[in-house]
Amino acid sequence: MQVVDALAQAFSDEGRSLYLVGGCVRDELLGRQVSDYDFTTDAEPAEIKRLVQRAGADAVYTVGERFGTIGAIFGEHQVEITTYRSEVYTPGSRKPDVTFGTSLDGDLSRRDFTINAMARPASGGPLVDPFEGRADLDARLVRAVGDPDERFAEDPLRLLRGIRFAAQFDFRIEPATRAAIARNADRLSTISMERIAAEINKMLVVRRPSGPIRELCDLGLMEWIVPEFLALRDRRATGARHKDNFEHTLMVVDRAPPVRTVRWGALLHDIAKPKVMSVDDDEVHFYGHEVVGERIARRILQRLKFDRATIDRVALLVRLSGRINSYEGEWTDGAVRRLVREAGDALDDLLSLSRSDVTSRREERVRAAERRVDLLRERAERLKEEEDVARIRPPLDGSDLMEMFGRGPGPWIRPIKDRLLAMVLDGELAPDDRERATEIARAMMEEVGA
């Protein structure tokens, strides 16, 4: 790699050591593509800045300089170079006291897992592997460096990173490390929600996210992330049989496409079922769970500090998640138009989620349900091509109604506008038929007055 060779030469000319370290070494050994490189060196930050510029960096950034890290951009490649360091964490603090100038082995000893604690000289040479990370790669194990309790106490986010690495690489967590994750689960309470959410996002887009989700529940971590999700495991003795909502949800998440918002929608689409469950004549019902689920999903994602756009999109998927599964061919064009309008630009995500939300053991039932969704997709696309559904408006707007009835703004306007819009979508009222719309509006107001 040209970037690595240029940096190796620049550091060597100054008599400095430079090693590739961490994830890029791990990924090279796994045969995975590497585009970003991490290095460690005995040079200090001021010297690193000078040497990366000599190596031809397009840009240098110093956000992590106080922790000994200098970043640089070389074309399409990003590198970070960190002075050998050791870290001491003050109890209750996630910000370490950093000591520079330790040995390479000392630097590797502060890392989280053995598969991330390997290095190799940038100029070429044998692998430096003091904690047998290569053997753990071969054994497909995630093992903490040294004492796992100490590693997790230093930074509890490592509890999630261990589960995420196992999911990404299809590895197992080494038993002592796994037991330590369970012992230290409550340490997640000291981690910011933003950092936690970033790790969960990465877990949700692996090939089979059901694995890490199950681990989060089994090892006691979900209690500190989305405790509401644990209620799905509670199949209370109701005297009636019903679907295992926990296992069903895991299957839906696996079946959903690896799009972050769709996977979150899949994870939360049945989140309210334990809350609304009722039993009538030995039949279990979950009336209104999508509406309640939307509110719960919003609270969860707000707690995890997601941006407004993500919260709105996932909440919409949860609210509309069951609508498409009830689709039959006899839906009117108006009903399809209303769905298209309500879903907006999330329609494709909604269709994908609904297609994933059929987990029957009977293959013919799954295929039939998928076909219904596909037919609805085709029908929605045809209607969207024929007319811009999102731009359809009723003949009268709020200003028209206020002028007509001599009243100010208020909740009385919405039912009239909704009725007029529904009639337009159903083809019962032309978008420009103001005369008939006026008659309908007056009749509605008279009915309310009566």
Protein backbone atom coordinates (compact mmCIF):
# COMPACT_ATOMS: atom_id res chain seq x y z
CA MET A 1 0.00 0.00 0.00
CA GLN A 2 1.53 3.28 -1.15
CA VAL A 3 0.32 5.27 1.88
CA VAL A 4 1.80 2.78 4.32
CA ASP A 5 5.12 2.69 2.42
CA ALA A 6 5.35 6.50 2.34
CA LEU A 7 4.72 6.78 6.09
CA ALA A 8 7.13 3.95 6.88
CA GLN A 9 9.88 5.71 4.93
CA ALA A 10 9.25 9.10 6.54
CA PHE A 11 9.36 7.70 10.07
CA SER A 12 12.33 5.45 9.35
CA ASP A 13 14.34 8.40 8.00
CA GLU A 14 13.94 10.05 11.41
CA GLY A 15 14.83 6.88 13.30
CA ARG A 16 11.28 6.42 14.55
CA SER A 17 9.31 3.19 14.83
CA LEU A 18 5.95 2.88 13.13
CA TYR A 19 3.54 -0.05 13.46
CA LEU A 20 0.17 -0.85 11.97
CA VAL A 21 -2.03 -1.76 14.89
CA GLY A 22 -5.51 -2.86 15.93
CA GLY A 23 -8.42 -3.34 13.58
CA CYS A 24 -6.54 -2.91 10.32
CA VAL A 25 -4.11 -5.71 11.28
CA ARG A 26 -7.00 -7.91 12.36
CA ASP A 27 -8.90 -7.27 9.13
CA GLU A 28 -5.86 -7.95 6.95
CA LEU A 29 -5.39 -11.31 8.68
CA LEU A 30 -9.08 -12.07 8.12
CA GLY A 31 -8.76 -11.18 4.43
CA ARG A 32 -11.14 -8.23 4.79
CA GLN A 33 -10.75 -5.00 2.84
CA VAL A 34 -8.97 -2.22 4.73
CA SER A 35 -9.33 1.45 3.80
CA ASP A 36 -8.51 3.20 7.10
CA TYR A 37 -5.25 2.54 8.91
CA ASP A 38 -4.28 2.95 12.55
CA PHE A 39 -0.62 3.22 13.55
CA THR A 40 1.31 3.49 16.77
CA THR A 41 4.76 5.02 17.13
CA ASP A 42 7.43 6.18 19.56
CA ALA A 43 7.26 9.66 17.99
CA GLU A 44 5.35 12.34 19.91
CA PRO A 45 2.40 14.27 18.41
CA ALA A 46 4.36 17.33 17.24
CA GLU A 47 6.79 15.09 15.40
CA ILE A 48 3.98 12.96 13.95
CA LYS A 49 2.44 16.08 12.37
CA ARG A 50 5.70 16.96 10.68
CA LEU A 51 6.33 13.43 9.44
CA VAL A 52 2.86 12.85 7.95
CA GLN A 53 3.22 16.09 6.04
CA ARG A 54 6.59 14.89 4.73
CA ALA A 55 4.88 11.65 3.65
CA GLY A 56 2.49 13.66 1.45
CA ALA A 57 -0.70 13.96 3.50
CA ASP A 58 -3.47 15.96 1.82
CA ALA A 59 -4.75 17.14 5.21
CA VAL A 60 -3.82 16.78 8.86
CA TYR A 61 -6.27 16.99 11.78
CA THR A 62 -5.46 17.21 15.47
CA VAL A 63 -8.75 16.61 17.29
CA GLY A 64 -7.17 13.77 19.33
CA GLU A 65 -3.80 15.42 19.90
CA ARG A 66 -4.21 15.68 23.68
CA PHE A 67 -4.56 11.87 23.68
CA GLY A 68 -1.53 11.48 21.44
CA THR A 69 -3.42 10.92 18.17
CA ILE A 70 -2.82 12.74 14.90
CA GLY A 71 -5.06 12.05 11.91
CA ALA A 72 -4.28 12.53 8.24
CA ILE A 73 -5.96 12.12 4.87
CA PHE A 74 -4.12 10.57 1.92
CA GLY A 75 -6.45 10.61 -1.07
CA GLU A 76 -9.27 8.15 -0.27
CA HIS A 77 -7.47 6.80 2.79
CA GLN A 78 -7.69 8.02 6.37
CA VAL A 79 -4.96 7.25 8.89
CA GLU A 80 -4.55 7.84 12.60
CA ILE A 81 -1.16 7.68 14.28
CA THR A 82 -0.90 7.53 18.06
CA THR A 83 2.12 7.80 20.30
CA TYR A 84 2.74 4.67 22.42
CA ARG A 85 0.63 5.23 25.48
CA SER A 86 -0.87 3.69 28.55
CA GLU A 87 -4.12 4.78 30.17
CA VAL A 88 -5.23 4.95 33.80
CA TYR A 89 -8.95 5.45 34.43
CA THR A 90 -10.19 7.28 37.51
CA PRO A 91 -13.14 5.36 39.02
CA GLY A 92 -16.40 6.78 37.73
CA SER A 93 -14.73 8.63 34.84
CA ARG A 94 -14.60 7.58 31.18
CA LYS A 95 -11.76 10.03 30.44
CA PRO A 96 -8.39 8.34 31.01
CA ASP A 97 -5.16 9.86 32.27
CA VAL A 98 -2.79 9.21 29.37
CA THR A 99 0.93 8.50 29.72
CA PHE A 100 3.08 8.67 26.59
CA GLY A 101 6.36 7.00 25.81
CA THR A 102 5.63 3.45 26.93
CA SER A 103 6.74 0.41 24.93
CA LEU A 104 4.83 -1.18 22.07
CA ASP A 105 3.88 -4.10 24.33
CA GLY A 106 2.66 -1.61 26.93
CA ASP A 107 0.56 0.10 24.29
CA LEU A 108 -0.98 -3.19 23.15
CA SER A 109 -1.72 -4.21 26.74
CA ARG A 110 -4.21 -1.32 27.11
CA ARG A 111 -6.36 -2.54 24.21
CA ASP A 112 -9.72 -4.25 24.57
CA PHE A 113 -9.55 -7.69 22.90
CA THR A 114 -6.68 -9.89 21.81
CA ILE A 115 -7.77 -9.77 18.15
CA ASN A 116 -7.30 -5.98 18.33
CA ALA A 117 -3.98 -6.16 20.22
CA MET A 118 -1.69 -7.13 17.36
CA ALA A 119 0.76 -4.98 15.43
CA ARG A 120 3.14 -5.30 12.52
CA PRO A 121 5.95 -3.00 11.39
CA ALA A 122 4.82 -0.59 8.68
CA SER A 123 8.06 -1.30 6.82
CA GLY A 124 7.42 -5.06 6.94
CA GLY A 125 8.39 -7.72 9.42
CA PRO A 126 6.94 -10.31 11.78
CA LEU A 127 3.63 -9.89 13.58
CA VAL A 128 3.86 -8.55 17.12
CA ASP A 129 1.31 -10.59 19.06
CA PRO A 130 1.98 -10.65 22.82
CA PHE A 131 -1.57 -11.79 23.72
CA GLU A 132 -2.02 -14.52 21.08
CA GLY A 133 -4.61 -12.64 19.07
CA ARG A 134 -3.71 -14.59 15.93
CA ALA A 135 -4.59 -17.85 17.70
CA ASP A 136 -7.91 -16.38 18.79
CA LEU A 137 -8.60 -15.28 15.21
CA ASP A 138 -7.97 -18.84 14.06
CA ALA A 139 -10.20 -20.16 16.86
CA ARG A 140 -12.84 -17.50 16.04
CA LEU A 141 -12.86 -16.19 19.60
CA VAL A 142 -13.36 -12.75 21.13
CA ARG A 143 -11.21 -12.69 24.28
CA ALA A 144 -10.41 -9.72 26.53
CA VAL A 145 -6.77 -8.71 26.93
CA GLY A 146 -5.62 -9.78 30.40
CA ASP A 147 -8.20 -9.53 33.18
CA PRO A 148 -11.60 -8.96 31.51
CA ASP A 149 -13.08 -7.25 34.58
CA GLU A 150 -10.29 -4.68 34.46
CA ARG A 151 -10.73 -4.09 30.75
CA PHE A 152 -14.49 -3.53 31.13
CA ALA A 153 -14.01 -1.30 34.17
CA GLU A 154 -11.67 0.90 32.09
CA ASP A 155 -14.32 1.49 29.45
CA PRO A 156 -17.69 -0.25 29.79
CA LEU A 157 -18.48 0.42 26.12
CA ARG A 158 -16.23 -2.62 25.56
CA LEU A 159 -19.11 -4.75 26.88
CA LEU A 160 -21.00 -3.87 23.71
CA ARG A 161 -17.97 -3.92 21.44
CA GLY A 162 -17.24 -7.54 22.40
CA ILE A 163 -20.75 -8.60 21.41
CA ARG A 164 -20.57 -6.53 18.23
CA PHE A 165 -17.23 -8.03 17.14
CA ALA A 166 -18.55 -11.54 17.70
CA ALA A 167 -21.59 -10.72 15.54
CA GLN A 168 -19.60 -9.00 12.77
CA PHE A 169 -17.10 -11.83 12.37
CA ASP A 170 -19.36 -14.73 13.36
CA PHE A 171 -17.08 -15.49 16.34
CA ARG A 172 -17.83 -16.81 19.82
CA ILE A 173 -17.11 -14.85 22.98
CA GLU A 174 -14.57 -16.70 25.11
CA PRO A 175 -16.33 -18.05 28.26
CA ALA A 176 -14.39 -16.03 30.87
CA THR A 177 -14.89 -12.85 28.83
CA ARG A 178 -18.58 -13.62 28.38
CA ALA A 179 -19.04 -14.18 32.12
CA ALA A 180 -17.30 -10.88 32.82
CA ILE A 181 -19.66 -9.08 30.44
CA ALA A 182 -22.62 -10.34 32.48
CA ARG A 183 -20.92 -9.39 35.77
CA ASN A 184 -20.23 -5.87 34.58
CA ALA A 185 -23.49 -5.18 32.75
CA ASP A 186 -24.55 -2.44 35.16
CA ARG A 187 -21.45 -0.44 34.24
CA LEU A 188 -23.26 0.57 31.05
CA SER A 189 -25.14 3.09 33.20
CA THR A 190 -22.00 5.26 33.14
CA ILE A 191 -21.80 5.38 29.32
CA SER A 192 -23.43 8.13 27.27
CA MET A 193 -26.49 7.15 25.30
CA GLU A 194 -24.88 8.45 22.10
CA ARG A 195 -21.99 5.96 22.40
CA ILE A 196 -24.37 3.12 23.22
CA ALA A 197 -26.62 3.94 20.26
CA ALA A 198 -23.63 3.98 17.90
CA GLU A 199 -22.74 0.41 18.91
CA ILE A 200 -26.33 -0.83 18.62
CA ASN A 201 -26.53 0.71 15.14
CA LYS A 202 -23.52 -1.37 14.09
CA MET A 203 -25.01 -4.54 15.59
CA LEU A 204 -28.30 -4.05 13.78
CA VAL A 205 -26.74 -4.07 10.31
CA VAL A 206 -24.74 -7.29 10.67
CA ARG A 207 -25.87 -10.30 8.64
CA ARG A 208 -27.89 -11.85 11.50
CA PRO A 209 -28.62 -9.20 14.17
CA SER A 210 -30.73 -11.65 16.18
CA GLY A 211 -27.48 -13.04 17.63
CA PRO A 212 -26.25 -9.85 19.31
CA ILE A 213 -29.78 -8.83 20.33
CA ARG A 214 -30.23 -12.16 22.11
CA GLU A 215 -26.83 -11.75 23.77
CA LEU A 216 -27.74 -8.27 25.01
CA CYS A 217 -30.81 -9.78 26.68
CA ASP A 218 -29.12 -12.92 28.02
CA LEU A 219 -26.15 -11.04 29.51
CA GLY A 220 -28.17 -8.30 31.22
CA LEU A 221 -27.13 -5.42 28.97
CA MET A 222 -30.52 -4.75 27.37
CA GLU A 223 -31.80 -3.60 30.76
CA TRP A 224 -29.55 -0.54 30.34
CA ILE A 225 -30.36 0.06 26.65
CA VAL A 226 -33.98 -0.77 25.75
CA PRO A 227 -35.47 -2.34 28.90
CA GLU A 228 -38.91 -2.23 27.27
CA PHE A 229 -37.75 -4.93 24.87
CA LEU A 230 -37.34 -7.47 27.69
CA ALA A 231 -41.13 -7.51 28.22
CA LEU A 232 -41.47 -9.34 24.88
CA ARG A 233 -39.98 -12.39 26.60
CA ASP A 234 -42.77 -12.46 29.16
CA ARG A 235 -45.31 -14.94 27.82
CA ARG A 236 -47.66 -14.59 30.72
CA ALA A 237 -49.90 -17.51 31.63
CA THR A 238 -53.05 -16.34 29.91
CA GLY A 239 -54.76 -19.64 29.42
CA ALA A 240 -54.52 -19.03 25.69
CA ARG A 241 -51.79 -19.80 23.23
CA HIS A 242 -50.19 -17.02 21.22
CA LYS A 243 -47.13 -16.33 19.15
CA ASP A 244 -43.78 -15.87 20.93
CA ASN A 245 -43.33 -12.16 20.27
CA PHE A 246 -39.66 -12.20 21.30
CA GLU A 247 -38.65 -14.96 18.88
CA HIS A 248 -40.89 -13.50 16.19
CA THR A 249 -39.19 -10.10 16.53
CA LEU A 250 -35.73 -11.66 16.22
CA MET A 251 -36.83 -13.42 13.04
CA VAL A 252 -38.26 -10.20 11.58
CA VAL A 253 -35.04 -8.30 12.31
CA ASP A 254 -33.02 -11.01 10.54
CA ARG A 255 -35.36 -10.96 7.54
CA ALA A 256 -35.39 -7.17 7.22
CA PRO A 257 -32.90 -5.56 4.81
CA PRO A 258 -29.72 -4.23 6.49
CA VAL A 259 -30.89 -0.63 6.54
CA ARG A 260 -30.50 1.01 9.94
CA THR A 261 -33.98 2.58 10.17
CA VAL A 262 -35.71 -0.54 8.84
CA ARG A 263 -33.89 -2.76 11.33
CA TRP A 264 -34.87 -0.39 14.16
CA GLY A 265 -38.45 -0.52 12.90
CA ALA A 266 -38.27 -4.31 12.91
CA LEU A 267 -36.84 -4.35 16.44
CA LEU A 268 -39.58 -2.08 17.81
CA HIS A 269 -42.58 -2.96 15.64
CA ASP A 270 -44.18 -5.15 18.34
CA ILE A 271 -42.73 -3.31 21.35
CA ALA A 272 -46.20 -2.43 22.74
CA LYS A 273 -47.75 -5.89 22.53
CA PRO A 274 -47.02 -6.83 26.17
CA LYS A 275 -48.59 -3.55 27.26
CA VAL A 276 -51.86 -3.89 25.32
CA MET A 277 -52.33 -7.67 25.39
CA SER A 278 -55.83 -8.84 26.25
CA VAL A 279 -57.59 -12.22 26.22
CA ASP A 280 -61.15 -12.73 25.04
CA ASP A 281 -62.66 -16.25 24.88
CA ASP A 282 -59.18 -17.80 24.95
CA GLU A 283 -58.10 -15.58 22.07
CA VAL A 284 -55.15 -13.24 22.61
CA HIS A 285 -55.48 -9.75 21.14
CA PHE A 286 -53.12 -6.78 20.83
CA TYR A 287 -55.56 -4.04 19.90
CA GLY A 288 -53.91 -0.74 19.03
CA HIS A 289 -50.38 -1.96 19.59
CA GLU A 290 -49.04 -0.04 16.58
CA VAL A 291 -50.34 3.29 17.91
CA VAL A 292 -49.04 2.67 21.42
CA GLY A 293 -45.86 1.27 19.91
CA GLU A 294 -45.22 4.49 18.04
CA ARG A 295 -45.23 6.43 21.32
CA ILE A 296 -42.94 3.90 23.02
CA ALA A 297 -40.57 3.87 20.05
CA ARG A 298 -40.31 7.64 20.17
CA ARG A 299 -39.44 7.57 23.87
CA ILE A 300 -36.80 4.90 23.33
CA LEU A 301 -35.10 6.67 20.43
CA GLN A 302 -35.24 10.03 22.17
CA ARG A 303 -33.59 8.46 25.21
CA LEU A 304 -30.86 7.11 22.93
CA LYS A 305 -30.35 10.64 21.55
CA PHE A 306 -31.23 9.89 17.94
CA ASP A 307 -31.80 12.77 15.56
CA ARG A 308 -35.34 13.93 14.84
CA ALA A 309 -35.42 12.55 11.28
CA THR A 310 -34.49 9.04 12.42
CA ILE A 311 -37.01 9.12 15.28
CA ASP A 312 -39.81 10.25 12.98
CA ARG A 313 -39.03 7.63 10.34
CA VAL A 314 -38.78 4.69 12.75
CA ALA A 315 -41.91 5.80 14.63
CA LEU A 316 -43.79 5.98 11.31
CA LEU A 317 -42.68 2.44 10.43
CA VAL A 318 -43.88 1.17 13.80
CA ARG A 319 -47.26 2.90 13.47
CA LEU A 320 -47.91 1.66 9.94
CA SER A 321 -46.21 -1.74 10.32
CA GLY A 322 -49.43 -3.73 10.47
CA ARG A 323 -51.34 -1.81 7.82
CA ILE A 324 -49.82 -3.53 4.81
CA ASN A 325 -50.14 -7.00 6.30
CA SER A 326 -53.91 -6.55 6.17
CA TYR A 327 -53.83 -5.70 2.47
CA GLU A 328 -56.15 -7.59 0.19
CA GLY A 329 -56.79 -6.96 -3.49
CA GLU A 330 -60.17 -5.38 -2.86
CA TRP A 331 -58.61 -2.22 -1.38
CA THR A 332 -59.86 0.81 -3.30
CA ASP A 333 -57.43 3.04 -5.12
CA GLY A 334 -58.27 5.67 -2.51
CA ALA A 335 -57.13 3.39 0.30
CA VAL A 336 -53.84 2.76 -1.49
CA ARG A 337 -53.42 6.49 -2.14
CA ARG A 338 -53.95 7.22 1.57
CA LEU A 339 -51.25 4.71 2.50
CA VAL A 340 -48.85 6.18 -0.06
CA ARG A 341 -49.54 9.69 1.20
CA GLU A 342 -49.17 8.75 4.87
CA ALA A 343 -45.97 6.76 4.35
CA GLY A 344 -44.36 9.43 2.16
CA ASP A 345 -40.73 8.72 1.30
CA ALA A 346 -40.69 5.88 3.85
CA LEU A 347 -42.98 3.74 1.68
CA ASP A 348 -40.20 1.45 0.39
CA ASP A 349 -38.91 0.93 3.94
CA LEU A 350 -42.44 0.19 5.13
CA LEU A 351 -43.02 -2.35 2.36
CA SER A 352 -39.68 -4.01 3.15
CA LEU A 353 -40.55 -4.21 6.85
CA SER A 354 -44.00 -5.64 6.12
CA ARG A 355 -42.49 -8.22 3.78
CA SER A 356 -40.20 -9.31 6.63
CA ASP A 357 -43.01 -9.46 9.18
CA VAL A 358 -44.29 -12.88 8.14
CA THR A 359 -42.48 -15.64 10.02
CA SER A 360 -44.76 -18.63 9.67
CA ARG A 361 -43.22 -22.12 9.55
CA ARG A 362 -45.53 -22.77 6.60
CA GLU A 363 -43.55 -21.74 3.55
CA GLU A 364 -46.64 -21.33 1.38
CA ARG A 365 -48.09 -18.81 3.86
CA VAL A 366 -44.88 -16.79 3.82
CA ARG A 367 -44.76 -16.79 0.01
CA ALA A 368 -48.42 -15.73 -0.21
CA ALA A 369 -47.89 -12.84 2.21
CA GLU A 370 -44.79 -11.69 0.36
CA ARG A 371 -46.71 -11.79 -2.89
CA ARG A 372 -49.46 -9.58 -1.42
CA VAL A 373 -46.86 -7.01 -0.42
CA ASP A 374 -45.26 -7.15 -3.86
CA LEU A 375 -48.65 -6.63 -5.52
CA LEU A 376 -49.33 -3.64 -3.27
CA ARG A 377 -45.91 -2.22 -4.16
CA GLU A 378 -46.72 -2.54 -7.87
CA ARG A 379 -50.12 -0.94 -7.40
CA ALA A 380 -48.70 1.94 -5.35
CA GLU A 381 -46.04 2.58 -7.99
CA ARG A 382 -48.68 2.64 -10.73
CA LEU A 383 -50.81 5.15 -8.85
CA LYS A 384 -47.79 7.32 -8.08
CA GLU A 385 -46.92 7.37 -11.77
CA GLU A 386 -50.45 8.36 -12.71
CA GLU A 387 -50.61 11.21 -10.24
CA ASP A 388 -48.44 12.81 -7.60
CA VAL A 389 -50.33 11.52 -4.57
CA ALA A 390 -48.31 13.60 -2.12
CA ARG A 391 -49.45 16.82 -3.84
CA ILE A 392 -53.19 16.05 -3.82
CA ARG A 393 -55.14 18.67 -1.87
CA PRO A 394 -58.84 19.06 -0.99
CA PRO A 395 -60.77 21.77 -2.84
CA LEU A 396 -60.99 23.94 0.30
CA ASP A 397 -58.13 24.79 2.64
CA GLY A 398 -58.18 26.14 6.18
CA SER A 399 -58.38 29.77 5.07
CA ASP A 400 -61.37 28.99 2.87
CA LEU A 401 -63.20 27.31 5.74
CA MET A 402 -62.49 30.11 8.22
CA GLU A 403 -63.78 32.70 5.76
CA MET A 404 -66.85 30.60 4.91
CA PHE A 405 -67.94 30.14 8.54
CA GLY A 406 -66.57 33.35 10.00
CA ARG A 407 -64.52 31.46 12.59
CA GLY A 408 -60.90 31.59 13.64
CA PRO A 409 -58.36 28.75 13.49
CA GLY A 410 -58.98 25.71 15.67
CA PRO A 411 -59.47 21.94 15.80
CA TRP A 412 -62.85 22.24 14.08
CA ILE A 413 -61.05 22.60 10.71
CA ARG A 414 -59.21 19.27 10.69
CA PRO A 415 -62.21 16.86 10.44
CA ILE A 416 -63.61 18.78 7.47
CA LYS A 417 -60.29 18.89 5.62
CA ASP A 418 -59.70 15.18 6.33
CA ARG A 419 -63.17 14.26 5.02
CA LEU A 420 -62.69 16.30 1.84
CA LEU A 421 -59.21 14.87 1.25
CA ALA A 422 -60.45 11.30 1.77
CA MET A 423 -63.18 11.86 -0.80
CA VAL A 424 -60.64 13.22 -3.30
CA LEU A 425 -58.34 10.24 -2.72
CA ASP A 426 -61.26 7.86 -3.19
CA GLY A 427 -62.26 9.56 -6.42
CA GLU A 428 -65.60 10.73 -4.97
CA LEU A 429 -64.76 14.42 -5.21
CA ALA A 430 -62.76 16.29 -7.85
CA PRO A 431 -59.80 18.29 -6.45
CA ASP A 432 -61.22 21.47 -8.01
CA ASP A 433 -64.93 20.95 -7.15
CA ARG A 434 -65.23 23.80 -4.66
CA GLU A 435 -69.03 24.02 -5.00
CA ARG A 436 -69.64 20.42 -3.86
CA ALA A 437 -66.89 20.70 -1.24
CA THR A 438 -68.70 23.74 0.18
CA GLU A 439 -71.96 21.76 0.41
CA ILE A 440 -70.20 18.92 2.23
CA ALA A 441 -68.48 21.32 4.65
CA ARG A 442 -71.76 23.08 5.49
CA ALA A 443 -73.51 19.74 6.03
CA MET A 444 -70.77 18.65 8.42
CA MET A 445 -71.01 21.89 10.40
CA GLU A 446 -74.80 21.59 10.60
CA GLU A 447 -74.45 18.02 11.86
CA VAL A 448 -72.03 19.15 14.56
CA GLY A 449 -74.38 21.98 15.51
CA ALA A 450 -77.33 19.62 15.73
